[in-house]
Protein backbone atom coordinates (compact mmCIF):
# COMPACT_ATOMS: atom_id res chain seq x y z
CA UNK A 1 6.17 -4.81 -1.27
CA UNK A 2 4.01 -6.92 0.90
CA UNK A 3 2.51 -5.80 3.83
CA UNK A 4 -0.68 -4.23 6.02
CA UNK A 5 -1.78 -0.72 5.37
CA UNK A 6 -4.09 -0.41 8.18
CA UNK A 7 -2.73 0.23 11.45
CA UNK A 8 -5.43 -1.13 13.29
CA UNK A 9 -4.27 -4.66 12.58
CA UNK A 10 -1.31 -3.77 15.15
CA UNK A 11 -2.66 -1.76 17.57
CA UNK A 12 -6.53 -1.98 17.70
CA UNK A 13 -8.58 1.24 17.38
CA UNK A 14 -6.46 4.39 17.30
CA UNK A 15 -8.01 5.88 20.24
CA UNK A 16 -7.71 9.71 19.17
CA UNK A 17 -3.79 8.84 18.65
CA UNK A 18 -2.54 11.19 15.62
CA UNK A 19 0.62 9.33 14.98
CA UNK A 20 -1.07 5.96 14.72
CA UNK A 21 -3.81 7.62 12.40
CA UNK A 22 -1.20 9.20 10.01
CA UNK A 23 0.57 5.82 9.40
CA UNK A 24 -2.45 3.46 8.68
CA UNK A 25 -2.27 4.71 5.14
CA UNK A 26 -5.15 2.68 4.51
CA UNK A 27 -7.40 5.23 6.71
CA UNK A 28 -5.40 8.56 6.04
CA UNK A 29 -5.29 8.88 2.62
CA UNK A 30 -9.34 8.14 2.71
CA UNK A 31 -9.42 11.39 4.92
CA UNK A 32 -7.09 13.85 3.47
CA UNK A 33 -8.35 16.23 1.50
CA UNK A 34 -5.60 19.10 1.54
CA UNK A 35 -5.42 19.81 -2.33
CA UNK A 36 -1.47 20.10 -1.58
CA UNK A 37 -0.97 16.55 -0.50
CA UNK A 38 -3.16 15.25 -2.79
CA UNK A 39 -1.17 17.12 -5.98
CA UNK A 40 2.15 15.89 -4.41
CA UNK A 41 0.78 11.91 -4.21
CA UNK A 42 -0.68 12.10 -7.99
CA UNK A 43 2.86 13.33 -9.27
CA UNK A 44 4.86 10.62 -7.37
CA UNK A 45 6.06 7.47 -9.20
CA UNK A 46 3.88 4.95 -6.80
CA UNK A 47 4.24 1.22 -6.83
CA UNK A 48 2.37 -0.97 -4.01
CA UNK A 49 2.77 -4.59 -4.81
CA UNK A 50 1.56 -7.96 -2.64
CA UNK A 51 1.80 -11.60 -3.57
CA UNK A 52 -1.41 -13.71 -2.87
CA UNK A 53 0.57 -16.50 -1.45
CA UNK A 54 1.57 -17.60 1.96
CA UNK A 55 1.34 -15.21 5.17
CA UNK A 56 -0.29 -12.44 2.52
CA UNK A 57 -3.52 -13.05 3.70
CA UNK A 58 -3.39 -10.61 6.68
CA UNK A 59 -2.73 -7.54 4.40
CA UNK A 60 -4.83 -8.59 1.45
CA UNK A 61 -7.47 -6.45 3.16
CA UNK A 62 -5.84 -3.40 3.60
CA UNK A 63 -4.06 -3.75 0.35
CA UNK A 64 -7.51 -3.57 -1.57
CA UNK A 65 -8.62 -0.91 0.98
CA UNK A 66 -5.68 1.42 0.24
CA UNK A 67 -6.57 0.72 -3.81
CA UNK A 68 -9.57 1.84 -3.38
CA UNK A 69 -8.43 5.08 -1.67
CA UNK A 70 -6.43 6.17 -4.44
CA UNK A 71 -8.63 5.54 -6.99
CA UNK A 72 -11.58 7.71 -5.29
CA UNK A 73 -8.82 10.35 -4.80
CA UNK A 74 -7.62 9.99 -8.41
CA UNK A 75 -4.17 9.41 -7.20
CA UNK A 76 -2.40 7.31 -9.85
CA UNK A 77 -0.34 4.12 -8.27
CA UNK A 78 0.71 0.85 -9.86
CA UNK A 79 -1.45 -1.59 -7.52
CA UNK A 80 0.18 -5.02 -8.31
CA UNK A 81 -0.51 -8.53 -7.54
CA UNK A 82 1.68 -11.53 -7.90
CA UNK A 83 0.51 -14.98 -7.73
CA UNK A 84 -0.76 -17.49 -5.03
CA UNK A 85 2.49 -18.86 -5.05
CA UNK A 86 4.48 -15.47 -4.18
CA UNK A 87 4.74 -15.34 -0.34
CA UNK A 88 5.27 -12.54 2.37
CA UNK A 89 9.14 -13.25 1.93
CA UNK A 90 12.43 -11.94 1.24
CA UNK A 91 13.32 -14.19 -1.70
CA UNK A 92 10.28 -12.53 -3.52
CA UNK A 93 10.97 -8.86 -2.63
CA UNK A 94 14.25 -9.81 -4.02
CA UNK A 95 12.91 -10.32 -7.25
CA UNK A 96 10.12 -7.61 -7.04
CA UNK A 97 12.43 -4.99 -6.41
CA UNK A 98 14.74 -4.81 -9.47
CA UNK A 99 11.35 -5.80 -11.40
CA UNK A 100 9.56 -2.91 -10.50
CA UNK A 101 12.97 -0.67 -10.63
CA UNK A 102 13.59 -1.86 -14.11
CA UNK A 103 10.03 -1.04 -15.01
CA UNK A 104 10.11 2.44 -13.86
CA UNK A 105 13.41 3.42 -14.87
CA UNK A 106 13.51 2.21 -18.08
C-alpha cells in the first residue's frame, strides 16, 4: 500500500549490486523469465494500491511501471488507485488494509 517500487529512487543506479536489483520490483519483474517464479506470481493474490494525493507523487512512476510489467508477464494483480485526497500516510493505510482484506476474503 503506497510506495516506491524502483530502488534507484533511493540508491541511484544498481552498479551490479544484485541484492538491490532484486529488491526493485519494477525492474526485477521485467527481467524475470523463470517459469517457476512467474507461475508462483500468477497463483498469488497480489494487491498493489496507491493514493494520488500528498506524498504519493514519487511512487507513481514505479507503480505504473510495475503494473505494466505485470500486464506484460500476464501476472494477475489488483492495481488500485485511490483518489487525489488519499495521502501516503498511516490514516489511509488503516482504511485500505481492512478494505482489501475484506474484498479478498469474502
